[in-house]
Amino acid sequence: MGKTTFAIKISEEVVKSFKTFCKEHGIKYSFFVEEAIKGKLQEEELKEDLLDLKTLGKEEKLAIPFEKYLRSRGA
């Protein structure tokens, strides 16, 4: 997988804490940031999935069994 440069502006306090943490734990900056972004993306996708389930759960009462649907289609 190729790598690219991605620049952002964040508070100096966060940068200082981030660098200190990475140095104390022997973690490369890029690895830490990449894993943090992946984790946050997964978290947000899970939130979306849960919202979809909640929304679709209300519609489930209107659903019919798949076998019944197929019979109605003549399959």
PDB file of N, CA and C in Angstrom:
ATOM      1  N   MET A   1       0.847  -1.166   0.000  1.00  0.00           N
ATOM      2  CA  MET A   1       0.000   0.000   0.000  1.00  0.00           C
ATOM      3  C   MET A   1       0.897   1.234   0.000  1.00  0.00           C
ATOM      4  N   GLY A   2       0.576   2.197  -0.844  1.00  0.00           N
ATOM      5  CA  GLY A   2       1.358   3.416  -0.920  1.00  0.00           C
ATOM      6  C   GLY A   2       1.108   4.329   0.263  1.00  0.00           C
ATOM      7  N   LYS A   3       2.038   5.201   0.484  1.00  0.00           N
ATOM      8  CA  LYS A   3       1.928   6.170   1.582  1.00  0.00           C
ATOM      9  C   LYS A   3       1.788   7.562   0.985  1.00  0.00           C
ATOM     10  N   THR A   4       1.151   8.451   1.707  1.00  0.00           N
ATOM     11  CA  THR A   4       0.991   9.827   1.275  1.00  0.00           C
ATOM     12  C   THR A   4       1.138  10.746   2.485  1.00  0.00           C
ATOM     13  N   THR A   5       1.423  12.000   2.222  1.00  0.00           N
ATOM     14  CA  THR A   5       1.544  12.989   3.289  1.00  0.00           C
ATOM     15  C   THR A   5       0.193  13.654   3.493  1.00  0.00           C
ATOM     16  N   PHE A   6      -0.162  13.854   4.763  1.00  0.00           N
ATOM     17  CA  PHE A   6      -1.445  14.444   5.116  1.00  0.00           C
ATOM     18  C   PHE A   6      -1.186  15.435   6.242  1.00  0.00           C
ATOM     19  N   ALA A   7      -1.373  16.707   5.978  1.00  0.00           N
ATOM     20  CA  ALA A   7      -1.072  17.739   6.971  1.00  0.00           C
ATOM     21  C   ALA A   7      -2.364  18.300   7.571  1.00  0.00           C
ATOM     22  N   ILE A   8      -2.349  18.493   8.891  1.00  0.00           N
ATOM     23  CA  ILE A   8      -3.487  19.074   9.594  1.00  0.00           C
ATOM     24  C   ILE A   8      -2.975  20.055  10.643  1.00  0.00           C
ATOM     25  N   LYS A   9      -3.862  20.889  11.119  1.00  0.00           N
ATOM     26  CA  LYS A   9      -3.511  21.803  12.205  1.00  0.00           C
ATOM     27  C   LYS A   9      -4.277  21.374  13.446  1.00  0.00           C
ATOM     28  N   ILE A  10      -3.534  21.127  14.528  1.00  0.00           N
ATOM     29  CA  ILE A  10      -4.141  20.784  15.811  1.00  0.00           C
ATOM     30  C   ILE A  10      -3.423  21.564  16.905  1.00  0.00           C
ATOM     31  N   SER A  11      -4.020  21.601  18.063  1.00  0.00           N
ATOM     32  CA  SER A  11      -3.464  22.415  19.145  1.00  0.00           C
ATOM     33  C   SER A  11      -2.082  21.913  19.568  1.00  0.00           C
ATOM     34  N   GLU A  12      -1.260  22.851  20.006  1.00  0.00           N
ATOM     35  CA  GLU A  12       0.094  22.525  20.455  1.00  0.00           C
ATOM     36  C   GLU A  12       0.059  21.566  21.639  1.00  0.00           C
ATOM     37  N   GLU A  13      -0.927  21.728  22.500  1.00  0.00           N
ATOM     38  CA  GLU A  13      -1.057  20.869  23.678  1.00  0.00           C
ATOM     39  C   GLU A  13      -1.264  19.407  23.266  1.00  0.00           C
ATOM     40  N   VAL A  14      -2.111  19.192  22.270  1.00  0.00           N
ATOM     41  CA  VAL A  14      -2.367  17.826  21.791  1.00  0.00           C
ATOM     42  C   VAL A  14      -1.110  17.251  21.154  1.00  0.00           C
ATOM     43  N   VAL A  15      -0.413  18.059  20.365  1.00  0.00           N
ATOM     44  CA  VAL A  15       0.817  17.593  19.713  1.00  0.00           C
ATOM     45  C   VAL A  15       1.856  17.204  20.762  1.00  0.00           C
ATOM     46  N   LYS A  16       1.996  18.025  21.784  1.00  0.00           N
ATOM     47  CA  LYS A  16       2.975  17.734  22.833  1.00  0.00           C
ATOM     48  C   LYS A  16       2.634  16.423  23.542  1.00  0.00           C
ATOM     49  N   SER A  17       1.372  16.255  23.907  1.00  0.00           N
ATOM     50  CA  SER A  17       0.940  15.018  24.571  1.00  0.00           C
ATOM     51  C   SER A  17       1.143  13.814  23.663  1.00  0.00           C
ATOM     52  N   PHE A  18       0.814  13.970  22.399  1.00  0.00           N
ATOM     53  CA  PHE A  18       0.959  12.908  21.404  1.00  0.00           C
ATOM     54  C   PHE A  18       2.418  12.482  21.265  1.00  0.00           C
ATOM     55  N   LYS A  19       3.300  13.444  21.100  1.00  0.00           N
ATOM     56  CA  LYS A  19       4.725  13.131  20.942  1.00  0.00           C
ATOM     57  C   LYS A  19       5.296  12.483  22.197  1.00  0.00           C
ATOM     58  N   THR A  20       4.917  13.002  23.354  1.00  0.00           N
ATOM     59  CA  THR A  20       5.388  12.426  24.614  1.00  0.00           C
ATOM     60  C   THR A  20       4.925  10.981  24.744  1.00  0.00           C
ATOM     61  N   PHE A  21       3.659  10.749  24.464  1.00  0.00           N
ATOM     62  CA  PHE A  21       3.107   9.396  24.561  1.00  0.00           C
ATOM     63  C   PHE A  21       3.841   8.440  23.623  1.00  0.00           C
ATOM     64  N   CYS A  22       4.015   8.857  22.382  1.00  0.00           N
ATOM     65  CA  CYS A  22       4.677   7.995  21.396  1.00  0.00           C
ATOM     66  C   CYS A  22       6.119   7.690  21.801  1.00  0.00           C
ATOM     67  N   LYS A  23       6.832   8.694  22.280  1.00  0.00           N
ATOM     68  CA  LYS A  23       8.220   8.471  22.705  1.00  0.00           C
ATOM     69  C   LYS A  23       8.285   7.522  23.898  1.00  0.00           C
ATOM     70  N   GLU A  24       7.409   7.727  24.877  1.00  0.00           N
ATOM     71  CA  GLU A  24       7.411   6.881  26.075  1.00  0.00           C
ATOM     72  C   GLU A  24       7.059   5.428  25.766  1.00  0.00           C
ATOM     73  N   HIS A  25       6.254   5.217  24.730  1.00  0.00           N
ATOM     74  CA  HIS A  25       5.793   3.870  24.398  1.00  0.00           C
ATOM     75  C   HIS A  25       6.498   3.276  23.175  1.00  0.00           C
ATOM     76  N   GLY A  26       7.456   4.015  22.628  1.00  0.00           N
ATOM     77  CA  GLY A  26       8.208   3.515  21.477  1.00  0.00           C
ATOM     78  C   GLY A  26       7.355   3.309  20.234  1.00  0.00           C
ATOM     79  N   ILE A  27       6.410   4.193  20.024  1.00  0.00           N
ATOM     80  CA  ILE A  27       5.494   4.086  18.887  1.00  0.00           C
ATOM     81  C   ILE A  27       5.841   5.160  17.858  1.00  0.00           C
ATOM     82  N   LYS A  28       5.867   4.769  16.596  1.00  0.00           N
ATOM     83  CA  LYS A  28       6.100   5.744  15.526  1.00  0.00           C
ATOM     84  C   LYS A  28       4.852   6.602  15.359  1.00  0.00           C
ATOM     85  N   TYR A  29       5.086   7.885  15.089  1.00  0.00           N
ATOM     86  CA  TYR A  29       3.975   8.823  14.945  1.00  0.00           C
ATOM     87  C   TYR A  29       2.981   8.356  13.883  1.00  0.00           C
ATOM     88  N   SER A  30       3.502   7.992  12.721  1.00  0.00           N
ATOM     89  CA  SER A  30       2.616   7.629  11.612  1.00  0.00           C
ATOM     90  C   SER A  30       1.772   6.404  11.946  1.00  0.00           C
ATOM     91  N   PHE A  31       2.372   5.433  12.624  1.00  0.00           N
ATOM     92  CA  PHE A  31       1.621   4.232  13.004  1.00  0.00           C
ATOM     93  C   PHE A  31       0.485   4.596  13.950  1.00  0.00           C
ATOM     94  N   PHE A  32       0.799   5.409  14.958  1.00  0.00           N
ATOM     95  CA  PHE A  32      -0.202   5.802  15.943  1.00  0.00           C
ATOM     96  C   PHE A  32      -1.369   6.527  15.280  1.00  0.00           C
ATOM     97  N   VAL A  33      -1.050   7.504  14.430  1.00  0.00           N
ATOM     98  CA  VAL A  33      -2.097   8.297  13.779  1.00  0.00           C
ATOM     99  C   VAL A  33      -2.941   7.423  12.856  1.00  0.00           C
ATOM    100  N   GLU A  34      -2.282   6.564  12.081  1.00  0.00           N
ATOM    101  CA  GLU A  34      -3.015   5.701  11.159  1.00  0.00           C
ATOM    102  C   GLU A  34      -3.967   4.773  11.915  1.00  0.00           C
ATOM    103  N   GLU A  35      -3.493   4.178  13.001  1.00  0.00           N
ATOM    104  CA  GLU A  35      -4.343   3.286  13.792  1.00  0.00           C
ATOM    105  C   GLU A  35      -5.489   4.055  14.454  1.00  0.00           C
ATOM    106  N   ALA A  36      -5.208   5.273  14.906  1.00  0.00           N
ATOM    107  CA  ALA A  36      -6.254   6.087  15.533  1.00  0.00           C
ATOM    108  C   ALA A  36      -7.346   6.438  14.519  1.00  0.00           C
ATOM    109  N   ILE A  37      -6.943   6.777  13.308  1.00  0.00           N
ATOM    110  CA  ILE A  37      -7.917   7.106  12.260  1.00  0.00           C
ATOM    111  C   ILE A  37      -8.743   5.874  11.903  1.00  0.00           C
ATOM    112  N   LYS A  38      -8.079   4.743  11.730  1.00  0.00           N
ATOM    113  CA  LYS A  38      -8.808   3.502  11.418  1.00  0.00           C
ATOM    114  C   LYS A  38      -9.824   3.186  12.514  1.00  0.00           C
ATOM    115  N   GLY A  39      -9.395   3.311  13.759  1.00  0.00           N
ATOM    116  CA  GLY A  39     -10.284   3.028  14.884  1.00  0.00           C
ATOM    117  C   GLY A  39     -11.492   3.947  14.910  1.00  0.00           C
ATOM    118  N   LYS A  40     -11.257   5.218  14.680  1.00  0.00           N
ATOM    119  CA  LYS A  40     -12.353   6.188  14.686  1.00  0.00           C
ATOM    120  C   LYS A  40     -13.309   5.930  13.527  1.00  0.00           C
ATOM    121  N   LEU A  41     -12.776   5.581  12.360  1.00  0.00           N
ATOM    122  CA  LEU A  41     -13.636   5.267  11.219  1.00  0.00           C
ATOM    123  C   LEU A  41     -14.514   4.055  11.516  1.00  0.00           C
ATOM    124  N   GLN A  42     -13.937   3.030  12.115  1.00  0.00           N
ATOM    125  CA  GLN A  42     -14.717   1.842  12.473  1.00  0.00           C
ATOM    126  C   GLN A  42     -15.804   2.192  13.485  1.00  0.00           C
ATOM    127  N   GLU A  43     -15.456   3.026  14.446  1.00  0.00           N
ATOM    128  CA  GLU A  43     -16.416   3.447  15.466  1.00  0.00           C
ATOM    129  C   GLU A  43     -17.593   4.190  14.839  1.00  0.00           C
ATOM    130  N   GLU A  44     -17.290   5.100  13.918  1.00  0.00           N
ATOM    131  CA  GLU A  44     -18.348   5.877  13.266  1.00  0.00           C
ATOM    132  C   GLU A  44     -19.212   4.993  12.375  1.00  0.00           C
ATOM    133  N   GLU A  45     -18.592   4.035  11.678  1.00  0.00           N
ATOM    134  CA  GLU A  45     -19.358   3.113  10.838  1.00  0.00           C
ATOM    135  C   GLU A  45     -20.280   2.248  11.696  1.00  0.00           C
ATOM    136  N   LEU A  46     -19.802   1.833  12.861  1.00  0.00           N
ATOM    137  CA  LEU A  46     -20.632   1.045  13.771  1.00  0.00           C
ATOM    138  C   LEU A  46     -21.827   1.863  14.252  1.00  0.00           C
ATOM    139  N   LYS A  47     -21.604   3.131  14.552  1.00  0.00           N
ATOM    140  CA  LYS A  47     -22.710   4.004  14.961  1.00  0.00           C
ATOM    141  C   LYS A  47     -23.762   4.086  13.861  1.00  0.00           C
ATOM    142  N   GLU A  48     -23.298   4.230  12.604  1.00  0.00           N
ATOM    143  CA  GLU A  48     -24.226   4.294  11.477  1.00  0.00           C
ATOM    144  C   GLU A  48     -24.999   2.983  11.344  1.00  0.00           C
ATOM    145  N   ASP A  49     -24.300   1.859  11.494  1.00  0.00           N
ATOM    146  CA  ASP A  49     -24.954   0.550  11.396  1.00  0.00           C
ATOM    147  C   ASP A  49     -26.011   0.381  12.482  1.00  0.00           C
ATOM    148  N   LEU A  50     -25.690   0.798  13.698  1.00  0.00           N
ATOM    149  CA  LEU A  50     -26.653   0.689  14.795  1.00  0.00           C
ATOM    150  C   LEU A  50     -27.880   1.559  14.553  1.00  0.00           C
ATOM    151  N   LEU A  51     -27.658   2.735  14.002  1.00  0.00           N
ATOM    152  CA  LEU A  51     -28.779   3.615  13.678  1.00  0.00           C
ATOM    153  C   LEU A  51     -29.646   2.986  12.593  1.00  0.00           C
ATOM    154  N   ASP A  52     -29.000   2.384  11.580  1.00  0.00           N
ATOM    155  CA  ASP A  52     -29.750   1.691  10.527  1.00  0.00           C
ATOM    156  C   ASP A  52     -30.577   0.553  11.110  1.00  0.00           C
ATOM    157  N   LEU A  53     -29.975  -0.243  12.004  1.00  0.00           N
ATOM    158  CA  LEU A  53     -30.704  -1.350  12.623  1.00  0.00           C
ATOM    159  C   LEU A  53     -31.908  -0.853  13.413  1.00  0.00           C
ATOM    160  N   LYS A  54     -31.706   0.231  14.128  1.00  0.00           N
ATOM    161  CA  LYS A  54     -32.797   0.793  14.916  1.00  0.00           C
ATOM    162  C   LYS A  54     -33.923   1.265  13.998  1.00  0.00           C
ATOM    163  N   THR A  55     -33.560   1.942  12.931  1.00  0.00           N
ATOM    164  CA  THR A  55     -34.542   2.455  11.980  1.00  0.00           C
ATOM    165  C   THR A  55     -35.255   1.317  11.260  1.00  0.00           C
ATOM    166  N   LEU A  56     -34.473   0.346  10.775  1.00  0.00           N
ATOM    167  CA  LEU A  56     -35.061  -0.761  10.023  1.00  0.00           C
ATOM    168  C   LEU A  56     -35.817  -1.728  10.921  1.00  0.00           C
ATOM    169  N   GLY A  57     -35.470  -1.781  12.186  1.00  0.00           N
ATOM    170  CA  GLY A  57     -36.177  -2.648  13.124  1.00  0.00           C
ATOM    171  C   GLY A  57     -37.653  -2.308  13.199  1.00  0.00           C
ATOM    172  N   LYS A  58     -37.965  -1.036  13.081  1.00  0.00           N
ATOM    173  CA  LYS A  58     -39.361  -0.595  13.106  1.00  0.00           C
ATOM    174  C   LYS A  58     -40.104  -1.090  11.872  1.00  0.00           C
ATOM    175  N   GLU A  59     -39.385  -1.184  10.747  1.00  0.00           N
ATOM    176  CA  GLU A  59     -40.002  -1.637   9.500  1.00  0.00           C
ATOM    177  C   GLU A  59     -40.090  -3.158   9.420  1.00  0.00           C
ATOM    178  N   GLU A  60     -39.361  -3.855  10.276  1.00  0.00           N
ATOM    179  CA  GLU A  60     -39.323  -5.317  10.222  1.00  0.00           C
ATOM    180  C   GLU A  60     -40.703  -5.936  10.443  1.00  0.00           C
ATOM    181  N   LYS A  61     -41.537  -5.281  11.193  1.00  0.00           N
ATOM    182  CA  LYS A  61     -42.881  -5.788  11.449  1.00  0.00           C
ATOM    183  C   LYS A  61     -43.681  -5.938  10.159  1.00  0.00           C
ATOM    184  N   LEU A  62     -43.318  -5.166   9.142  1.00  0.00           N
ATOM    185  CA  LEU A  62     -44.021  -5.213   7.862  1.00  0.00           C
ATOM    186  C   LEU A  62     -43.443  -6.263   6.917  1.00  0.00           C
ATOM    187  N   ALA A  63     -42.331  -6.857   7.292  1.00  0.00           N
ATOM    188  CA  ALA A  63     -41.643  -7.811   6.417  1.00  0.00           C
ATOM    189  C   ALA A  63     -42.364  -9.154   6.403  1.00  0.00           C
ATOM    190  N   ILE A  64     -42.185  -9.869   5.281  1.00  0.00           N
ATOM    191  CA  ILE A  64     -42.722 -11.225   5.171  1.00  0.00           C
ATOM    192  C   ILE A  64     -41.546 -12.185   5.044  1.00  0.00           C
ATOM    193  N   PRO A  65     -41.727 -13.446   5.415  1.00  0.00           N
ATOM    194  CA  PRO A  65     -40.632 -14.416   5.272  1.00  0.00           C
ATOM    195  C   PRO A  65     -40.189 -14.535   3.813  1.00  0.00           C
ATOM    196  N   PHE A  66     -38.915 -14.762   3.605  1.00  0.00           N
ATOM    197  CA  PHE A  66     -38.358 -14.827   2.258  1.00  0.00           C
ATOM    198  C   PHE A  66     -39.010 -15.941   1.441  1.00  0.00           C
ATOM    199  N   GLU A  67     -39.266 -17.083   2.072  1.00  0.00           N
ATOM    200  CA  GLU A  67     -39.893 -18.206   1.371  1.00  0.00           C
ATOM    201  C   GLU A  67     -41.282 -17.813   0.853  1.00  0.00           C
ATOM    202  N   LYS A  68     -42.027 -17.094   1.667  1.00  0.00           N
ATOM    203  CA  LYS A  68     -43.362 -16.635   1.259  1.00  0.00           C
ATOM    204  C   LYS A  68     -43.248 -15.671   0.079  1.00  0.00           C
ATOM    205  N   TYR A  69     -42.267 -14.815   0.121  1.00  0.00           N
ATOM    206  CA  TYR A  69     -42.035 -13.881  -0.983  1.00  0.00           C
ATOM    207  C   TYR A  69     -41.741 -14.648  -2.269  1.00  0.00           C
ATOM    208  N   LEU A  70     -40.872 -15.662  -2.176  1.00  0.00           N
ATOM    209  CA  LEU A  70     -40.524 -16.443  -3.362  1.00  0.00           C
ATOM    210  C   LEU A  70     -41.747 -17.162  -3.927  1.00  0.00           C
ATOM    211  N   ARG A  71     -42.577 -17.735  -3.044  1.00  0.00           N
ATOM    212  CA  ARG A  71     -43.789 -18.417  -3.517  1.00  0.00           C
ATOM    213  C   ARG A  71     -44.713 -17.435  -4.236  1.00  0.00           C
ATOM    214  N   SER A  72     -44.806 -16.220  -3.704  1.00  0.00           N
ATOM    215  CA  SER A  72     -45.679 -15.224  -4.340  1.00  0.00           C
ATOM    216  C   SER A  72     -45.157 -14.808  -5.710  1.00  0.00           C
ATOM    217  N   ARG A  73     -43.868 -15.009  -5.927  1.00  0.00           N
ATOM    218  CA  ARG A  73     -43.253 -14.676  -7.222  1.00  0.00           C
ATOM    219  C   ARG A  73     -43.277 -15.870  -8.175  1.00  0.00           C
ATOM    220  N   GLY A  74     -43.763 -17.010  -7.674  1.00  0.00           N
ATOM    221  CA  GLY A  74     -43.838 -18.196  -8.506  1.00  0.00           C
ATOM    222  C   GLY A  74     -42.528 -18.939  -8.618  1.00  0.00           C
ATOM    223  N   ALA A  75     -41.625 -18.704  -7.685  1.00  0.00           N
ATOM    224  CA  ALA A  75     -40.315 -19.373  -7.744  1.00  0.00           C
ATOM    225  C   ALA A  75     -40.310 -20.667  -6.982  1.00  0.00           C
TER     226      ALA A  75
END
